[in-house]
């Protein structure tokens, strides 16, 4: 299924980060949405645990990401962007 990303999301960087944590770009967006409201430290173990929860949720997680992609959650864009940065640091990923 082809879908467009909101203008503020760099598809190539999103795909590269997702690949580094063995996730799809949609799983990465779900991960960011789950981590955004949290101030708890993030490391690779937590990333893996959260991804397991996302994968277990199946279609429900996919539907949630679909809502993000439709733009209804623009108010959360800053939190999600911050969470993507946290995931990047937690995965020890260096993207330029």
PDB file of N, CA and C in Angstrom:
ATOM      1  N   UNK A   1       0.838  -1.164   0.000  1.00  0.00           N
ATOM      2  CA  UNK A   1       0.000   0.000   0.000  1.00  0.00           C
ATOM      3  C   UNK A   1       0.891   1.238   0.000  1.00  0.00           C
ATOM      4  N   UNK A   2       0.676   2.083  -0.954  1.00  0.00           N
ATOM      5  CA  UNK A   2       1.461   3.305  -1.054  1.00  0.00           C
ATOM      6  C   UNK A   2       0.731   4.426  -0.321  1.00  0.00           C
ATOM      7  N   UNK A   3       1.486   5.187   0.411  1.00  0.00           N
ATOM      8  CA  UNK A   3       0.870   6.295   1.135  1.00  0.00           C
ATOM      9  C   UNK A   3       1.863   7.425   1.203  1.00  0.00           C
ATOM     10  N   UNK A   4       1.360   8.628   1.302  1.00  0.00           N
ATOM     11  CA  UNK A   4       2.259   9.756   1.415  1.00  0.00           C
ATOM     12  C   UNK A   4       2.480  10.065   2.888  1.00  0.00           C
ATOM     13  N   UNK A   5       3.657  10.570   3.167  1.00  0.00           N
ATOM     14  CA  UNK A   5       3.996  10.980   4.523  1.00  0.00           C
ATOM     15  C   UNK A   5       3.736  12.468   4.650  1.00  0.00           C
ATOM     16  N   UNK A   6       3.422  12.928   5.838  1.00  0.00           N
ATOM     17  CA  UNK A   6       3.291  14.378   6.032  1.00  0.00           C
ATOM     18  C   UNK A   6       4.572  15.084   5.601  1.00  0.00           C
ATOM     19  N   UNK A   7       4.445  16.305   5.129  1.00  0.00           N
ATOM     20  CA  UNK A   7       5.598  17.039   4.595  1.00  0.00           C
ATOM     21  C   UNK A   7       6.778  17.108   5.552  1.00  0.00           C
ATOM     22  N   UNK A   8       6.529  17.143   6.845  1.00  0.00           N
ATOM     23  CA  UNK A   8       7.606  17.290   7.813  1.00  0.00           C
ATOM     24  C   UNK A   8       8.426  16.033   8.036  1.00  0.00           C
ATOM     25  N   UNK A   9       8.034  14.919   7.419  1.00  0.00           N
ATOM     26  CA  UNK A   9       8.750  13.656   7.637  1.00  0.00           C
ATOM     27  C   UNK A   9       9.610  13.346   6.427  1.00  0.00           C
ATOM     28  N   UNK A  10      10.886  13.164   6.642  1.00  0.00           N
ATOM     29  CA  UNK A  10      11.825  12.793   5.593  1.00  0.00           C
ATOM     30  C   UNK A  10      11.758  11.273   5.431  1.00  0.00           C
ATOM     31  N   UNK A  11      11.143  10.815   4.355  1.00  0.00           N
ATOM     32  CA  UNK A  11      10.895   9.383   4.147  1.00  0.00           C
ATOM     33  C   UNK A  11      12.184   8.567   4.136  1.00  0.00           C
ATOM     34  N   UNK A  12      13.241   9.096   3.542  1.00  0.00           N
ATOM     35  CA  UNK A  12      14.503   8.351   3.472  1.00  0.00           C
ATOM     36  C   UNK A  12      15.117   8.176   4.863  1.00  0.00           C
ATOM     37  N   UNK A  13      15.101   9.226   5.658  1.00  0.00           N
ATOM     38  CA  UNK A  13      15.653   9.120   7.021  1.00  0.00           C
ATOM     39  C   UNK A  13      14.798   8.212   7.886  1.00  0.00           C
ATOM     40  N   UNK A  14      13.484   8.297   7.722  1.00  0.00           N
ATOM     41  CA  UNK A  14      12.579   7.438   8.471  1.00  0.00           C
ATOM     42  C   UNK A  14      12.852   5.973   8.133  1.00  0.00           C
ATOM     43  N   UNK A  15      12.986   5.667   6.855  1.00  0.00           N
ATOM     44  CA  UNK A  15      13.254   4.292   6.421  1.00  0.00           C
ATOM     45  C   UNK A  15      14.612   3.815   6.923  1.00  0.00           C
ATOM     46  N   UNK A  16      15.614   4.692   6.902  1.00  0.00           N
ATOM     47  CA  UNK A  16      16.952   4.307   7.364  1.00  0.00           C
ATOM     48  C   UNK A  16      16.956   4.006   8.859  1.00  0.00           C
ATOM     49  N   UNK A  17      16.290   4.844   9.643  1.00  0.00           N
ATOM     50  CA  UNK A  17      16.224   4.599  11.083  1.00  0.00           C
ATOM     51  C   UNK A  17      15.434   3.326  11.364  1.00  0.00           C
ATOM     52  N   UNK A  18      14.329   3.149  10.666  1.00  0.00           N
ATOM     53  CA  UNK A  18      13.520   1.937  10.855  1.00  0.00           C
ATOM     54  C   UNK A  18      14.354   0.689  10.571  1.00  0.00           C
ATOM     55  N   UNK A  19      15.124   0.713   9.512  1.00  0.00           N
ATOM     56  CA  UNK A  19      15.966  -0.444   9.162  1.00  0.00           C
ATOM     57  C   UNK A  19      16.994  -0.726  10.247  1.00  0.00           C
ATOM     58  N   UNK A  20      17.529   0.322  10.849  1.00  0.00           N
ATOM     59  CA  UNK A  20      18.546   0.135  11.891  1.00  0.00           C
ATOM     60  C   UNK A  20      17.992  -0.522  13.144  1.00  0.00           C
ATOM     61  N   UNK A  21      16.691  -0.391  13.370  1.00  0.00           N
ATOM     62  CA  UNK A  21      16.100  -1.022  14.556  1.00  0.00           C
ATOM     63  C   UNK A  21      15.235  -2.221  14.166  1.00  0.00           C
ATOM     64  N   UNK A  22      15.419  -2.697  12.939  1.00  0.00           N
ATOM     65  CA  UNK A  22      14.692  -3.875  12.442  1.00  0.00           C
ATOM     66  C   UNK A  22      13.181  -3.687  12.507  1.00  0.00           C
ATOM     67  N   UNK A  23      12.730  -2.537  12.048  1.00  0.00           N
ATOM     68  CA  UNK A  23      11.299  -2.214  12.051  1.00  0.00           C
ATOM     69  C   UNK A  23      10.922  -1.648  10.693  1.00  0.00           C
ATOM     70  N   UNK A  24       9.635  -1.645  10.420  1.00  0.00           N
ATOM     71  CA  UNK A  24       9.144  -0.970   9.223  1.00  0.00           C
ATOM     72  C   UNK A  24       8.967   0.513   9.566  1.00  0.00           C
ATOM     73  N   UNK A  25       8.892   1.372   8.561  1.00  0.00           N
ATOM     74  CA  UNK A  25       8.624   2.781   8.859  1.00  0.00           C
ATOM     75  C   UNK A  25       7.323   2.983   9.642  1.00  0.00           C
ATOM     76  N   UNK A  26       6.300   2.195   9.356  1.00  0.00           N
ATOM     77  CA  UNK A  26       5.035   2.316  10.099  1.00  0.00           C
ATOM     78  C   UNK A  26       5.227   1.904  11.550  1.00  0.00           C
ATOM     79  N   UNK A  27       6.009   0.847  11.791  1.00  0.00           N
ATOM     80  CA  UNK A  27       6.282   0.437  13.173  1.00  0.00           C
ATOM     81  C   UNK A  27       7.070   1.521  13.898  1.00  0.00           C
ATOM     82  N   UNK A  28       7.990   2.162  13.193  1.00  0.00           N
ATOM     83  CA  UNK A  28       8.767   3.237  13.800  1.00  0.00           C
ATOM     84  C   UNK A  28       7.860   4.405  14.196  1.00  0.00           C
ATOM     85  N   UNK A  29       6.909   4.758  13.346  1.00  0.00           N
ATOM     86  CA  UNK A  29       5.985   5.836  13.702  1.00  0.00           C
ATOM     87  C   UNK A  29       5.140   5.452  14.913  1.00  0.00           C
ATOM     88  N   UNK A  30       4.700   4.195  14.969  1.00  0.00           N
ATOM     89  CA  UNK A  30       3.947   3.739  16.146  1.00  0.00           C
ATOM     90  C   UNK A  30       4.825   3.793  17.389  1.00  0.00           C
ATOM     91  N   UNK A  31       6.079   3.406  17.247  1.00  0.00           N
ATOM     92  CA  UNK A  31       7.023   3.450  18.366  1.00  0.00           C
ATOM     93  C   UNK A  31       7.183   4.882  18.863  1.00  0.00           C
ATOM     94  N   UNK A  32       7.353   5.809  17.944  1.00  0.00           N
ATOM     95  CA  UNK A  32       7.508   7.215  18.330  1.00  0.00           C
ATOM     96  C   UNK A  32       6.266   7.722  19.051  1.00  0.00           C
ATOM     97  N   UNK A  33       5.097   7.338  18.562  1.00  0.00           N
ATOM     98  CA  UNK A  33       3.862   7.772  19.208  1.00  0.00           C
ATOM     99  C   UNK A  33       3.745   7.196  20.620  1.00  0.00           C
ATOM    100  N   UNK A  34       4.204   5.948  20.818  1.00  0.00           N
ATOM    101  CA  UNK A  34       4.158   5.334  22.156  1.00  0.00           C
ATOM    102  C   UNK A  34       5.154   6.000  23.103  1.00  0.00           C
ATOM    103  N   UNK A  35       6.307   6.393  22.585  1.00  0.00           N
ATOM    104  CA  UNK A  35       7.356   6.956  23.437  1.00  0.00           C
ATOM    105  C   UNK A  35       7.193   8.450  23.692  1.00  0.00           C
ATOM    106  N   UNK A  36       6.480   9.134  22.820  1.00  0.00           N
ATOM    107  CA  UNK A  36       6.388  10.600  22.903  1.00  0.00           C
ATOM    108  C   UNK A  36       5.968  11.122  24.265  1.00  0.00           C
ATOM    109  N   UNK A  37       4.946  10.545  24.904  1.00  0.00           N
ATOM    110  CA  UNK A  37       4.527  11.121  26.191  1.00  0.00           C
ATOM    111  C   UNK A  37       5.397  10.708  27.375  1.00  0.00           C
ATOM    112  N   UNK A  38       6.382   9.871  27.159  1.00  0.00           N
ATOM    113  CA  UNK A  38       7.183   9.335  28.250  1.00  0.00           C
ATOM    114  C   UNK A  38       8.473  10.123  28.454  1.00  0.00           C
ATOM    115  N   UNK A  39       8.860  10.280  29.690  1.00  0.00           N
ATOM    116  CA  UNK A  39      10.148  10.915  29.982  1.00  0.00           C
ATOM    117  C   UNK A  39      11.159   9.880  30.483  1.00  0.00           C
ATOM    118  N   UNK A  40      10.767   8.608  30.446  1.00  0.00           N
ATOM    119  CA  UNK A  40      11.650   7.532  30.903  1.00  0.00           C
ATOM    120  C   UNK A  40      12.807   7.351  29.926  1.00  0.00           C
ATOM    121  N   UNK A  41      13.967   6.946  30.451  1.00  0.00           N
ATOM    122  CA  UNK A  41      15.114   6.713  29.567  1.00  0.00           C
ATOM    123  C   UNK A  41      14.794   5.629  28.529  1.00  0.00           C
ATOM    124  N   UNK A  42      15.414   5.766  27.373  1.00  0.00           N
ATOM    125  CA  UNK A  42      15.190   4.792  26.304  1.00  0.00           C
ATOM    126  C   UNK A  42      16.524   4.154  25.927  1.00  0.00           C
ATOM    127  N   UNK A  43      16.494   2.844  25.783  1.00  0.00           N
ATOM    128  CA  UNK A  43      17.655   2.121  25.308  1.00  0.00           C
ATOM    129  C   UNK A  43      17.179   1.054  24.339  1.00  0.00           C
ATOM    130  N   UNK A  44      18.103   0.288  23.805  1.00  0.00           N
ATOM    131  CA  UNK A  44      17.722  -0.702  22.790  1.00  0.00           C
ATOM    132  C   UNK A  44      16.756  -1.743  23.353  1.00  0.00           C
ATOM    133  N   UNK A  45      16.921  -2.130  24.601  1.00  0.00           N
ATOM    134  CA  UNK A  45      16.013  -3.112  25.202  1.00  0.00           C
ATOM    135  C   UNK A  45      14.589  -2.580  25.244  1.00  0.00           C
ATOM    136  N   UNK A  46      14.434  -1.310  25.577  1.00  0.00           N
ATOM    137  CA  UNK A  46      13.085  -0.734  25.619  1.00  0.00           C
ATOM    138  C   UNK A  46      12.510  -0.610  24.219  1.00  0.00           C
ATOM    139  N   UNK A  47      13.336  -0.225  23.268  1.00  0.00           N
ATOM    140  CA  UNK A  47      12.883  -0.153  21.874  1.00  0.00           C
ATOM    141  C   UNK A  47      12.359  -1.514  21.439  1.00  0.00           C
ATOM    142  N   UNK A  48      13.126  -2.572  21.716  1.00  0.00           N
ATOM    143  CA  UNK A  48      12.704  -3.922  21.320  1.00  0.00           C
ATOM    144  C   UNK A  48      11.413  -4.337  22.015  1.00  0.00           C
ATOM    145  N   UNK A  49      11.284  -4.008  23.295  1.00  0.00           N
ATOM    146  CA  UNK A  49      10.064  -4.354  24.038  1.00  0.00           C
ATOM    147  C   UNK A  49       8.851  -3.607  23.476  1.00  0.00           C
ATOM    148  N   UNK A  50       9.022  -2.330  23.174  1.00  0.00           N
ATOM    149  CA  UNK A  50       7.921  -1.547  22.620  1.00  0.00           C
ATOM    150  C   UNK A  50       7.530  -2.065  21.237  1.00  0.00           C
ATOM    151  N   UNK A  51       8.537  -2.418  20.423  1.00  0.00           N
ATOM    152  CA  UNK A  51       8.230  -2.973  19.104  1.00  0.00           C
ATOM    153  C   UNK A  51       7.458  -4.281  19.225  1.00  0.00           C
ATOM    154  N   UNK A  52       7.781  -5.085  20.221  1.00  0.00           N
ATOM    155  CA  UNK A  52       7.048  -6.336  20.433  1.00  0.00           C
ATOM    156  C   UNK A  52       5.581  -6.042  20.754  1.00  0.00           C
ATOM    157  N   UNK A  53       5.327  -5.009  21.570  1.00  0.00           N
ATOM    158  CA  UNK A  53       3.946  -4.619  21.882  1.00  0.00           C
ATOM    159  C   UNK A  53       3.217  -4.149  20.617  1.00  0.00           C
ATOM    160  N   UNK A  54       3.909  -3.370  19.818  1.00  0.00           N
ATOM    161  CA  UNK A  54       3.321  -2.846  18.580  1.00  0.00           C
ATOM    162  C   UNK A  54       2.978  -3.994  17.636  1.00  0.00           C
ATOM    163  N   UNK A  55       3.894  -4.921  17.488  1.00  0.00           N
ATOM    164  CA  UNK A  55       3.651  -6.055  16.586  1.00  0.00           C
ATOM    165  C   UNK A  55       2.527  -6.937  17.101  1.00  0.00           C
ATOM    166  N   UNK A  56       2.445  -7.085  18.408  1.00  0.00           N
ATOM    167  CA  UNK A  56       1.361  -7.889  18.994  1.00  0.00           C
ATOM    168  C   UNK A  56       0.003  -7.222  18.780  1.00  0.00           C
ATOM    169  N   UNK A  57      -0.026  -5.905  18.704  1.00  0.00           N
ATOM    170  CA  UNK A  57      -1.280  -5.183  18.501  1.00  0.00           C
ATOM    171  C   UNK A  57      -1.801  -5.332  17.072  1.00  0.00           C
ATOM    172  N   UNK A  58      -0.930  -5.683  16.151  1.00  0.00           N
ATOM    173  CA  UNK A  58      -1.331  -5.957  14.770  1.00  0.00           C
ATOM    174  C   UNK A  58      -2.076  -4.826  14.102  1.00  0.00           C
ATOM    175  N   UNK A  59      -3.300  -5.122  13.671  1.00  0.00           N
ATOM    176  CA  UNK A  59      -4.085  -4.159  12.905  1.00  0.00           C
ATOM    177  C   UNK A  59      -4.428  -2.900  13.703  1.00  0.00           C
ATOM    178  N   UNK A  60      -4.551  -3.026  15.002  1.00  0.00           N
ATOM    179  CA  UNK A  60      -4.865  -1.849  15.821  1.00  0.00           C
ATOM    180  C   UNK A  60      -3.719  -0.837  15.750  1.00  0.00           C
ATOM    181  N   UNK A  61      -2.486  -1.316  15.840  1.00  0.00           N
ATOM    182  CA  UNK A  61      -1.331  -0.416  15.740  1.00  0.00           C
ATOM    183  C   UNK A  61      -1.261   0.190  14.342  1.00  0.00           C
ATOM    184  N   UNK A  62      -1.534  -0.627  13.332  1.00  0.00           N
ATOM    185  CA  UNK A  62      -1.501  -0.136  11.959  1.00  0.00           C
ATOM    186  C   UNK A  62      -2.560   0.945  11.741  1.00  0.00           C
ATOM    187  N   UNK A  63      -3.733   0.754  12.324  1.00  0.00           N
ATOM    188  CA  UNK A  63      -4.799   1.756  12.209  1.00  0.00           C
ATOM    189  C   UNK A  63      -4.393   3.060  12.904  1.00  0.00           C
ATOM    190  N   UNK A  64      -3.725   2.943  14.045  1.00  0.00           N
ATOM    191  CA  UNK A  64      -3.254   4.130  14.759  1.00  0.00           C
ATOM    192  C   UNK A  64      -2.259   4.926  13.933  1.00  0.00           C
ATOM    193  N   UNK A  65      -1.351   4.222  13.276  1.00  0.00           N
ATOM    194  CA  UNK A  65      -0.381   4.905  12.408  1.00  0.00           C
ATOM    195  C   UNK A  65      -1.112   5.556  11.235  1.00  0.00           C
ATOM    196  N   UNK A  66      -2.120   4.886  10.736  1.00  0.00           N
ATOM    197  CA  UNK A  66      -2.907   5.470   9.652  1.00  0.00           C
ATOM    198  C   UNK A  66      -3.506   6.804  10.044  1.00  0.00           C
ATOM    199  N   UNK A  67      -3.966   6.916  11.281  1.00  0.00           N
ATOM    200  CA  UNK A  67      -4.508   8.188  11.768  1.00  0.00           C
ATOM    201  C   UNK A  67      -3.412   9.253  11.797  1.00  0.00           C
ATOM    202  N   UNK A  68      -2.219   8.863  12.244  1.00  0.00           N
ATOM    203  CA  UNK A  68      -1.104   9.819  12.235  1.00  0.00           C
ATOM    204  C   UNK A  68      -0.821  10.310  10.822  1.00  0.00           C
ATOM    205  N   UNK A  69      -0.824   9.387   9.865  1.00  0.00           N
ATOM    206  CA  UNK A  69      -0.507   9.741   8.486  1.00  0.00           C
ATOM    207  C   UNK A  69      -1.595  10.606   7.844  1.00  0.00           C
ATOM    208  N   UNK A  70      -2.818  10.499   8.336  1.00  0.00           N
ATOM    209  CA  UNK A  70      -3.899  11.332   7.809  1.00  0.00           C
ATOM    210  C   UNK A  70      -3.810  12.770   8.297  1.00  0.00           C
ATOM    211  N   UNK A  71      -2.998  12.992   9.320  1.00  0.00           N
ATOM    212  CA  UNK A  71      -2.789  14.358   9.792  1.00  0.00           C
ATOM    213  C   UNK A  71      -3.697  14.796  10.918  1.00  0.00           C
ATOM    214  N   UNK A  72      -4.554  13.913  11.418  1.00  0.00           N
ATOM    215  CA  UNK A  72      -5.432  14.291  12.515  1.00  0.00           C
ATOM    216  C   UNK A  72      -4.656  14.583  13.793  1.00  0.00           C
ATOM    217  N   UNK A  73      -3.451  14.083  13.888  1.00  0.00           N
ATOM    218  CA  UNK A  73      -2.671  14.231  15.115  1.00  0.00           C
ATOM    219  C   UNK A  73      -1.554  15.260  14.955  1.00  0.00           C
ATOM    220  N   UNK A  74      -1.757  16.253  14.101  1.00  0.00           N
ATOM    221  CA  UNK A  74      -0.718  17.265  13.896  1.00  0.00           C
ATOM    222  C   UNK A  74      -0.298  17.934  15.201  1.00  0.00           C
ATOM    223  N   UNK A  75      -1.219  18.036  16.138  1.00  0.00           N
ATOM    224  CA  UNK A  75      -0.900  18.660  17.420  1.00  0.00           C
ATOM    225  C   UNK A  75       0.197  17.890  18.154  1.00  0.00           C
ATOM    226  N   UNK A  76       0.377  16.614  17.825  1.00  0.00           N
ATOM    227  CA  UNK A  76       1.379  15.788  18.496  1.00  0.00           C
ATOM    228  C   UNK A  76       2.691  15.716  17.712  1.00  0.00           C
ATOM    229  N   UNK A  77       2.796  16.445  16.616  1.00  0.00           N
ATOM    230  CA  UNK A  77       3.975  16.343  15.754  1.00  0.00           C
ATOM    231  C   UNK A  77       5.272  16.635  16.499  1.00  0.00           C
ATOM    232  N   UNK A  78       5.289  17.642  17.347  1.00  0.00           N
ATOM    233  CA  UNK A  78       6.507  17.965  18.093  1.00  0.00           C
ATOM    234  C   UNK A  78       6.897  16.828  19.024  1.00  0.00           C
ATOM    235  N   UNK A  79       5.915  16.249  19.708  1.00  0.00           N
ATOM    236  CA  UNK A  79       6.203  15.128  20.606  1.00  0.00           C
ATOM    237  C   UNK A  79       6.722  13.928  19.822  1.00  0.00           C
ATOM    238  N   UNK A  80       6.113  13.652  18.680  1.00  0.00           N
ATOM    239  CA  UNK A  80       6.542  12.510  17.875  1.00  0.00           C
ATOM    240  C   UNK A  80       7.932  12.758  17.314  1.00  0.00           C
ATOM    241  N   UNK A  81       8.202  13.971  16.856  1.00  0.00           N
ATOM    242  CA  UNK A  81       9.530  14.302  16.354  1.00  0.00           C
ATOM    243  C   UNK A  81      10.574  14.130  17.452  1.00  0.00           C
ATOM    244  N   UNK A  82      10.254  14.576  18.652  1.00  0.00           N
ATOM    245  CA  UNK A  82      11.164  14.426  19.789  1.00  0.00           C
ATOM    246  C   UNK A  82      11.378  12.937  20.094  1.00  0.00           C
ATOM    247  N   UNK A  83      10.324  12.153  20.019  1.00  0.00           N
ATOM    248  CA  UNK A  83      10.446  10.709  20.276  1.00  0.00           C
ATOM    249  C   UNK A  83      11.301  10.028  19.219  1.00  0.00           C
ATOM    250  N   UNK A  84      11.184  10.450  17.960  1.00  0.00           N
ATOM    251  CA  UNK A  84      12.042   9.874  16.917  1.00  0.00           C
ATOM    252  C   UNK A  84      13.514  10.163  17.218  1.00  0.00           C
ATOM    253  N   UNK A  85      13.797  11.357  17.720  1.00  0.00           N
ATOM    254  CA  UNK A  85      15.170  11.681  18.104  1.00  0.00           C
ATOM    255  C   UNK A  85      15.632  10.790  19.251  1.00  0.00           C
ATOM    256  N   UNK A  86      14.747  10.527  20.206  1.00  0.00           N
ATOM    257  CA  UNK A  86      15.082   9.660  21.333  1.00  0.00           C
ATOM    258  C   UNK A  86      15.344   8.236  20.857  1.00  0.00           C
ATOM    259  N   UNK A  87      14.505   7.753  19.949  1.00  0.00           N
ATOM    260  CA  UNK A  87      14.708   6.408  19.394  1.00  0.00           C
ATOM    261  C   UNK A  87      16.056   6.332  18.695  1.00  0.00           C
ATOM    262  N   UNK A  88      16.377   7.368  17.948  1.00  0.00           N
ATOM    263  CA  UNK A  88      17.650   7.392  17.234  1.00  0.00           C
ATOM    264  C   UNK A  88      18.809   7.301  18.217  1.00  0.00           C
ATOM    265  N   UNK A  89      18.755   8.054  19.300  1.00  0.00           N
ATOM    266  CA  UNK A  89      19.820   7.988  20.305  1.00  0.00           C
ATOM    267  C   UNK A  89      19.825   6.631  21.000  1.00  0.00           C
ATOM    268  N   UNK A  90      18.654   6.098  21.325  1.00  0.00           N
ATOM    269  CA  UNK A  90      18.554   4.820  22.011  1.00  0.00           C
ATOM    270  C   UNK A  90      19.045   3.667  21.178  1.00  0.00           C
ATOM    271  N   UNK A  91      18.908   3.785  19.867  1.00  0.00           N
ATOM    272  CA  UNK A  91      19.365   2.740  18.962  1.00  0.00           C
ATOM    273  C   UNK A  91      20.819   2.940  18.570  1.00  0.00           C
ATOM    274  N   UNK A  92      21.424   4.009  19.094  1.00  0.00           N
ATOM    275  CA  UNK A  92      22.807   4.337  18.779  1.00  0.00           C
ATOM    276  C   UNK A  92      22.990   4.439  17.271  1.00  0.00           C
ATOM    277  N   UNK A  93      22.079   5.179  16.656  1.00  0.00           N
ATOM    278  CA  UNK A  93      22.063   5.331  15.197  1.00  0.00           C
ATOM    279  C   UNK A  93      22.583   6.715  14.849  1.00  0.00           C
ATOM    280  N   UNK A  94      23.397   6.778  13.845  1.00  0.00           N
ATOM    281  CA  UNK A  94      23.888   8.071  13.403  1.00  0.00           C
ATOM    282  C   UNK A  94      23.451   8.270  11.965  1.00  0.00           C
ATOM    283  N   UNK A  95      22.474   9.137  11.759  1.00  0.00           N
ATOM    284  CA  UNK A  95      21.994   9.462  10.412  1.00  0.00           C
ATOM    285  C   UNK A  95      22.366  10.900  10.107  1.00  0.00           C
ATOM    286  N   UNK A  96      22.813  11.130   8.898  1.00  0.00           N
ATOM    287  CA  UNK A  96      23.145  12.511   8.538  1.00  0.00           C
ATOM    288  C   UNK A  96      22.284  12.981   7.396  1.00  0.00           C
TER     289      UNK A  96
END
